[in-house]
Amino acid sequence: MAEADRTRWNERYRQQAYDFAPPAWLIALGPQLQPRHADARALDLACGAGRNSLFLARLGYAVDAWDISDVGLELLRAELARASEPLRVAPRQVDLDSAALPTETYDLILDAHYLDRRLFPHMERALKQGGLVLVHTFLQPPSGRYNPAHALEPGELGRAFASLIQLELSENVEAETAHLLAQRAYGSPELPELLSRSTVEHSV
């Protein structure tokens, strides 16, 4: 599956011009996503060519940008080289089907339009105390026309992160998107490990 995904996304990035402008929904959240300190770290899961990673870096985060597509990551590296300001973005080719997220590491985790339910509890455990998770993905419409593997059921996103403080939670049936901004509480106890390893298995 990983190799098929890599091939598919590589072809898409080769054939279509990439728009590095961040989406409106992410821009609107900028004030709530401001880093709490100079060393704040963010993880952009399935970053593609990195428009969201660049936005987070401009907010002040050091960003780990993970994706399966080496072509997409090369576009990101080229854009970083063209940038007029130094941006702390570290592109890395990662097979998210087998990735293990390091625990207690990130001040912000962004998951935009990439749905892997297996990762949800690991995303929570990868947050530092007070850290934010932002998920923006596809919502199954009433017609049920999407493959369930690629779209959340109504109410599913809130239940998946029920132990976090939910700052924003919305489901837009017309736009077919589900959206969550949530925070791990300060002073919360260390979360139990789900995995026996804290490294990342990647496809390079």
C-alpha atoms as a PDB file:
ATOM      1  CA  MET A   1       0.000   0.000   0.000  1.00  0.00           C
ATOM      2  CA  ALA A   2       2.791   2.459   0.869  1.00  0.00           C
ATOM      3  CA  GLU A   3       4.490   2.065  -2.509  1.00  0.00           C
ATOM      4  CA  ALA A   4       1.169   2.454  -4.339  1.00  0.00           C
ATOM      5  CA  ASP A   5       0.436   5.619  -2.329  1.00  0.00           C
ATOM      6  CA  ARG A   6       3.879   7.000  -3.058  1.00  0.00           C
ATOM      7  CA  THR A   7       3.484   6.380  -6.792  1.00  0.00           C
ATOM      8  CA  ARG A   8       0.000   7.898  -6.902  1.00  0.00           C
ATOM      9  CA  TRP A   9       0.951  11.076  -5.061  1.00  0.00           C
ATOM     10  CA  ASN A  10       4.196  11.458  -6.968  1.00  0.00           C
ATOM     11  CA  GLU A  11       2.249  11.432 -10.221  1.00  0.00           C
ATOM     12  CA  ARG A  12      -0.205  13.993  -8.897  1.00  0.00           C
ATOM     13  CA  TYR A  13       2.545  16.382  -7.847  1.00  0.00           C
ATOM     14  CA  ARG A  14       4.296  15.967 -11.206  1.00  0.00           C
ATOM     15  CA  GLN A  15       1.155  16.678 -13.223  1.00  0.00           C
ATOM     16  CA  GLN A  16      -0.449  19.526 -11.265  1.00  0.00           C
ATOM     17  CA  ALA A  17       0.875  22.933 -10.270  1.00  0.00           C
ATOM     18  CA  TYR A  18       1.045  23.236  -6.493  1.00  0.00           C
ATOM     19  CA  ASP A  19      -0.421  26.215  -4.661  1.00  0.00           C
ATOM     20  CA  PHE A  20       1.653  27.068  -1.596  1.00  0.00           C
ATOM     21  CA  ALA A  21      -0.981  29.442  -0.192  1.00  0.00           C
ATOM     22  CA  PRO A  22      -2.386  28.043   3.081  1.00  0.00           C
ATOM     23  CA  PRO A  23      -6.118  27.235   3.197  1.00  0.00           C
ATOM     24  CA  ALA A  24      -8.533  29.801   4.607  1.00  0.00           C
ATOM     25  CA  TRP A  25      -9.560  27.594   7.542  1.00  0.00           C
ATOM     26  CA  LEU A  26      -5.938  27.354   8.717  1.00  0.00           C
ATOM     27  CA  ILE A  27      -5.283  31.082   8.320  1.00  0.00           C
ATOM     28  CA  ALA A  28      -8.372  31.808  10.427  1.00  0.00           C
ATOM     29  CA  LEU A  29      -6.953  29.678  13.248  1.00  0.00           C
ATOM     30  CA  GLY A  30      -3.585  31.445  13.245  1.00  0.00           C
ATOM     31  CA  PRO A  31      -4.227  33.479  16.426  1.00  0.00           C
ATOM     32  CA  GLN A  32      -5.116  30.310  18.359  1.00  0.00           C
ATOM     33  CA  LEU A  33      -2.083  28.434  17.083  1.00  0.00           C
ATOM     34  CA  GLN A  34       0.592  30.907  18.151  1.00  0.00           C
ATOM     35  CA  PRO A  35       3.541  29.010  19.684  1.00  0.00           C
ATOM     36  CA  ARG A  36       3.910  29.272  23.442  1.00  0.00           C
ATOM     37  CA  HIS A  37       7.717  29.520  23.401  1.00  0.00           C
ATOM     38  CA  ALA A  38      10.616  29.972  20.988  1.00  0.00           C
ATOM     39  CA  ASP A  39      11.422  26.250  20.820  1.00  0.00           C
ATOM     40  CA  ALA A  40       7.871  25.097  20.034  1.00  0.00           C
ATOM     41  CA  ARG A  41       7.724  22.072  17.763  1.00  0.00           C
ATOM     42  CA  ALA A  42       4.995  21.067  15.328  1.00  0.00           C
ATOM     43  CA  LEU A  43       4.316  17.942  13.303  1.00  0.00           C
ATOM     44  CA  ASP A  44       2.538  18.165   9.952  1.00  0.00           C
ATOM     45  CA  LEU A  45       1.269  14.692   9.076  1.00  0.00           C
ATOM     46  CA  ALA A  46       0.921  13.895   5.354  1.00  0.00           C
ATOM     47  CA  CYS A  47       2.230  17.360   4.567  1.00  0.00           C
ATOM     48  CA  GLY A  48       2.281  16.913   0.786  1.00  0.00           C
ATOM     49  CA  ALA A  49       4.358  19.727  -0.705  1.00  0.00           C
ATOM     50  CA  GLY A  50       4.136  21.561   2.577  1.00  0.00           C
ATOM     51  CA  ARG A  51       1.924  24.614   2.345  1.00  0.00           C
ATOM     52  CA  ASN A  52       0.646  24.029   5.891  1.00  0.00           C
ATOM     53  CA  SER A  53       4.162  23.341   7.153  1.00  0.00           C
ATOM     54  CA  LEU A  54       5.313  26.684   5.774  1.00  0.00           C
ATOM     55  CA  PHE A  55       2.407  28.453   7.454  1.00  0.00           C
ATOM     56  CA  LEU A  56       3.242  26.901  10.830  1.00  0.00           C
ATOM     57  CA  ALA A  57       6.922  27.761  10.413  1.00  0.00           C
ATOM     58  CA  ARG A  58       5.990  31.378   9.740  1.00  0.00           C
ATOM     59  CA  LEU A  59       4.039  31.372  12.985  1.00  0.00           C
ATOM     60  CA  GLY A  60       7.287  30.431  14.725  1.00  0.00           C
ATOM     61  CA  TYR A  61       7.251  26.620  14.987  1.00  0.00           C
ATOM     62  CA  ALA A  62      10.057  24.231  14.159  1.00  0.00           C
ATOM     63  CA  VAL A  63       8.110  21.864  11.909  1.00  0.00           C
ATOM     64  CA  ASP A  64       8.620  18.185  11.165  1.00  0.00           C
ATOM     65  CA  ALA A  65       6.992  17.725   7.740  1.00  0.00           C
ATOM     66  CA  TRP A  66       6.221  14.066   7.015  1.00  0.00           C
ATOM     67  CA  ASP A  67       4.906  12.597   3.791  1.00  0.00           C
ATOM     68  CA  ILE A  68       5.197   9.475   1.636  1.00  0.00           C
ATOM     69  CA  SER A  69       5.756  11.418  -1.601  1.00  0.00           C
ATOM     70  CA  ASP A  70       9.381  12.183  -2.380  1.00  0.00           C
ATOM     71  CA  VAL A  71       8.228  14.427  -5.244  1.00  0.00           C
ATOM     72  CA  GLY A  72       6.041  16.474  -2.889  1.00  0.00           C
ATOM     73  CA  LEU A  73       8.875  16.813  -0.404  1.00  0.00           C
ATOM     74  CA  GLU A  74      11.243  17.998  -3.138  1.00  0.00           C
ATOM     75  CA  LEU A  75       8.735  20.726  -3.999  1.00  0.00           C
ATOM     76  CA  LEU A  76       8.784  21.739  -0.342  1.00  0.00           C
ATOM     77  CA  ARG A  77      12.590  21.787  -0.230  1.00  0.00           C
ATOM     78  CA  ALA A  78      12.694  23.952  -3.350  1.00  0.00           C
ATOM     79  CA  GLU A  79      10.178  26.377  -1.838  1.00  0.00           C
ATOM     80  CA  LEU A  80      12.215  26.571   1.357  1.00  0.00           C
ATOM     81  CA  ALA A  81      15.295  27.407  -0.717  1.00  0.00           C
ATOM     82  CA  ARG A  82      13.368  30.239  -2.405  1.00  0.00           C
ATOM     83  CA  ALA A  83      11.951  31.656   0.821  1.00  0.00           C
ATOM     84  CA  SER A  84      13.090  35.155   1.723  1.00  0.00           C
ATOM     85  CA  GLU A  85      13.223  34.296   5.423  1.00  0.00           C
ATOM     86  CA  PRO A  86      14.756  31.338   7.280  1.00  0.00           C
ATOM     87  CA  LEU A  87      12.064  28.772   8.043  1.00  0.00           C
ATOM     88  CA  ARG A  88      12.521  25.851  10.406  1.00  0.00           C
ATOM     89  CA  VAL A  89      10.981  23.018   8.405  1.00  0.00           C
ATOM     90  CA  ALA A  90      12.449  19.512   8.291  1.00  0.00           C
ATOM     91  CA  PRO A  91      10.944  17.485   5.399  1.00  0.00           C
ATOM     92  CA  ARG A  92      11.094  13.728   5.860  1.00  0.00           C
ATOM     93  CA  GLN A  93       9.820  10.848   3.787  1.00  0.00           C
ATOM     94  CA  VAL A  94       7.740   8.698   6.126  1.00  0.00           C
ATOM     95  CA  ASP A  95       5.429   5.757   5.585  1.00  0.00           C
ATOM     96  CA  LEU A  96       2.561   6.760   7.853  1.00  0.00           C
ATOM     97  CA  ASP A  97       1.084   3.262   7.618  1.00  0.00           C
ATOM     98  CA  SER A  98       3.835   2.112   9.968  1.00  0.00           C
ATOM     99  CA  ALA A  99       4.997   5.348  11.591  1.00  0.00           C
ATOM    100  CA  ALA A 100       5.448   5.586  15.344  1.00  0.00           C
ATOM    101  CA  LEU A 101       5.108   9.052  16.814  1.00  0.00           C
ATOM    102  CA  PRO A 102       7.544  10.017  19.597  1.00  0.00           C
ATOM    103  CA  THR A 103       5.777  10.606  22.888  1.00  0.00           C
ATOM    104  CA  GLU A 104       5.536  13.967  24.711  1.00  0.00           C
ATOM    105  CA  THR A 105       7.311  15.757  21.844  1.00  0.00           C
ATOM    106  CA  TYR A 106       5.086  18.247  20.016  1.00  0.00           C
ATOM    107  CA  ASP A 107       3.388  21.511  20.915  1.00  0.00           C
ATOM    108  CA  LEU A 108       1.138  21.165  17.848  1.00  0.00           C
ATOM    109  CA  ILE A 109       0.154  18.282  15.594  1.00  0.00           C
ATOM    110  CA  LEU A 110      -1.655  19.049  12.346  1.00  0.00           C
ATOM    111  CA  ASP A 111      -3.513  16.394  10.377  1.00  0.00           C
ATOM    112  CA  ALA A 112      -5.186  17.904   7.311  1.00  0.00           C
ATOM    113  CA  HIS A 113      -7.145  15.621   4.987  1.00  0.00           C
ATOM    114  CA  TYR A 114      -5.275  12.487   5.968  1.00  0.00           C
ATOM    115  CA  LEU A 115      -7.374   9.873   7.715  1.00  0.00           C
ATOM    116  CA  ASP A 116      -5.725   7.038   9.597  1.00  0.00           C
ATOM    117  CA  ARG A 117      -7.731   6.227  12.692  1.00  0.00           C
ATOM    118  CA  ARG A 118      -4.857   4.118  14.018  1.00  0.00           C
ATOM    119  CA  LEU A 119      -2.830   7.297  14.508  1.00  0.00           C
ATOM    120  CA  PHE A 120      -5.386   9.171  16.631  1.00  0.00           C
ATOM    121  CA  PRO A 121      -4.306   7.849  20.066  1.00  0.00           C
ATOM    122  CA  HIS A 122      -0.640   8.133  19.088  1.00  0.00           C
ATOM    123  CA  MET A 123      -1.158  11.761  18.110  1.00  0.00           C
ATOM    124  CA  GLU A 124      -2.552  12.407  21.569  1.00  0.00           C
ATOM    125  CA  ARG A 125       0.413  10.743  23.220  1.00  0.00           C
ATOM    126  CA  ALA A 126       2.852  12.710  21.076  1.00  0.00           C
ATOM    127  CA  LEU A 127       1.576  16.014  22.524  1.00  0.00           C
ATOM    128  CA  LYS A 128       3.349  17.846  25.295  1.00  0.00           C
ATOM    129  CA  GLN A 129       1.211  19.088  28.162  1.00  0.00           C
ATOM    130  CA  GLY A 130      -0.740  22.044  26.822  1.00  0.00           C
ATOM    131  CA  GLY A 131      -0.077  20.901  23.254  1.00  0.00           C
ATOM    132  CA  LEU A 132      -2.640  21.295  20.488  1.00  0.00           C
ATOM    133  CA  VAL A 133      -3.966  18.852  17.946  1.00  0.00           C
ATOM    134  CA  LEU A 134      -5.697  20.130  14.821  1.00  0.00           C
ATOM    135  CA  VAL A 135      -7.565  17.711  12.566  1.00  0.00           C
ATOM    136  CA  HIS A 136      -9.369  18.804   9.409  1.00  0.00           C
ATOM    137  CA  THR A 137     -10.618  15.947   7.282  1.00  0.00           C
ATOM    138  CA  PHE A 138     -13.481  14.521   5.268  1.00  0.00           C
ATOM    139  CA  LEU A 139     -16.929  13.868   6.741  1.00  0.00           C
ATOM    140  CA  GLN A 140     -19.198  11.101   5.499  1.00  0.00           C
ATOM    141  CA  PRO A 141     -22.311  12.746   4.003  1.00  0.00           C
ATOM    142  CA  PRO A 142     -25.774  11.355   4.718  1.00  0.00           C
ATOM    143  CA  SER A 143     -25.688   9.576   1.372  1.00  0.00           C
ATOM    144  CA  GLY A 144     -22.727   7.534   2.608  1.00  0.00           C
ATOM    145  CA  ARG A 145     -21.057   7.794  -0.779  1.00  0.00           C
ATOM    146  CA  TYR A 146     -17.450   7.785   0.476  1.00  0.00           C
ATOM    147  CA  ASN A 147     -15.324   4.801   1.365  1.00  0.00           C
ATOM    148  CA  PRO A 148     -15.499   4.644   5.205  1.00  0.00           C
ATOM    149  CA  ALA A 149     -11.702   4.398   5.268  1.00  0.00           C
ATOM    150  CA  HIS A 150     -11.494   7.917   3.848  1.00  0.00           C
ATOM    151  CA  ALA A 151     -14.242   9.800   5.704  1.00  0.00           C
ATOM    152  CA  LEU A 152     -15.291  10.120   9.345  1.00  0.00           C
ATOM    153  CA  GLU A 153     -18.785   9.357  10.548  1.00  0.00           C
ATOM    154  CA  PRO A 154     -20.718  12.193  12.242  1.00  0.00           C
ATOM    155  CA  GLY A 155     -19.547  12.556  15.845  1.00  0.00           C
ATOM    156  CA  GLU A 156     -16.561  10.280  15.369  1.00  0.00           C
ATOM    157  CA  LEU A 157     -13.878  12.957  15.580  1.00  0.00           C
ATOM    158  CA  GLY A 158     -15.084  14.281  18.928  1.00  0.00           C
ATOM    159  CA  ARG A 159     -15.227  10.777  20.373  1.00  0.00           C
ATOM    160  CA  ALA A 160     -11.732   9.957  19.128  1.00  0.00           C
ATOM    161  CA  PHE A 161     -10.206  12.827  21.126  1.00  0.00           C
ATOM    162  CA  ALA A 162     -12.668  12.857  24.017  1.00  0.00           C
ATOM    163  CA  SER A 163      -9.916  12.983  26.659  1.00  0.00           C
ATOM    164  CA  LEU A 164      -8.586  16.304  25.323  1.00  0.00           C
ATOM    165  CA  ILE A 165      -9.999  19.783  25.919  1.00  0.00           C
ATOM    166  CA  GLN A 166     -11.993  20.461  22.777  1.00  0.00           C
ATOM    167  CA  LEU A 167     -11.547  24.105  21.803  1.00  0.00           C
ATOM    168  CA  GLU A 168     -13.341  23.891  18.468  1.00  0.00           C
ATOM    169  CA  LEU A 169     -15.351  21.053  17.014  1.00  0.00           C
ATOM    170  CA  SER A 170     -17.485  21.369  13.923  1.00  0.00           C
ATOM    171  CA  GLU A 171     -18.988  19.226  11.187  1.00  0.00           C
ATOM    172  CA  ASN A 172     -19.964  20.891   7.916  1.00  0.00           C
ATOM    173  CA  VAL A 173     -22.320  18.596   6.052  1.00  0.00           C
ATOM    174  CA  GLU A 174     -22.390  20.807   2.954  1.00  0.00           C
ATOM    175  CA  ALA A 175     -18.598  21.037   2.720  1.00  0.00           C
ATOM    176  CA  GLU A 176     -18.294  17.399   3.891  1.00  0.00           C
ATOM    177  CA  THR A 177     -15.559  18.261   6.391  1.00  0.00           C
ATOM    178  CA  ALA A 178     -15.005  17.568  10.082  1.00  0.00           C
ATOM    179  CA  HIS A 179     -12.803  19.912  12.083  1.00  0.00           C
ATOM    180  CA  LEU A 180     -11.281  19.711  15.564  1.00  0.00           C
ATOM    181  CA  LEU A 181      -8.892  21.877  17.563  1.00  0.00           C
ATOM    182  CA  ALA A 182      -8.162  20.328  20.947  1.00  0.00           C
ATOM    183  CA  GLN A 183      -5.605  20.699  23.715  1.00  0.00           C
ATOM    184  CA  ARG A 184      -3.941  18.332  26.109  1.00  0.00           C
ATOM    185  CA  ALA A 185      -4.452  19.698  29.609  1.00  0.00           C
ATOM    186  CA  TYR A 186      -1.582  21.151  31.594  1.00  0.00           C
ATOM    187  CA  GLY A 187      -0.660  18.956  34.507  1.00  0.00           C
ATOM    188  CA  SER A 188      -2.176  15.869  32.888  1.00  0.00           C
ATOM    189  CA  PRO A 189      -0.393  12.648  33.815  1.00  0.00           C
ATOM    190  CA  GLU A 190       1.969  10.988  31.386  1.00  0.00           C
ATOM    191  CA  LEU A 191      -0.054   8.949  28.936  1.00  0.00           C
ATOM    192  CA  PRO A 192       0.677   5.226  28.651  1.00  0.00           C
ATOM    193  CA  GLU A 193       2.702   4.043  25.693  1.00  0.00           C
ATOM    194  CA  LEU A 194       0.818   2.276  22.922  1.00  0.00           C
ATOM    195  CA  LEU A 195       3.923   1.244  21.037  1.00  0.00           C
ATOM    196  CA  SER A 196       7.073  -0.508  22.100  1.00  0.00           C
ATOM    197  CA  ARG A 197       9.165   1.906  20.011  1.00  0.00           C
ATOM    198  CA  SER A 198       9.324   5.677  19.734  1.00  0.00           C
ATOM    199  CA  THR A 199      11.285   5.918  16.518  1.00  0.00           C
ATOM    200  CA  VAL A 200       9.887   6.408  13.060  1.00  0.00           C
ATOM    201  CA  GLU A 201       9.965   3.737  10.415  1.00  0.00           C
ATOM    202  CA  HIS A 202      10.219   5.437   7.072  1.00  0.00           C
ATOM    203  CA  SER A 203      10.389   4.377   3.474  1.00  0.00           C
ATOM    204  CA  VAL A 204      13.772   5.700   2.426  1.00  0.00           C
END
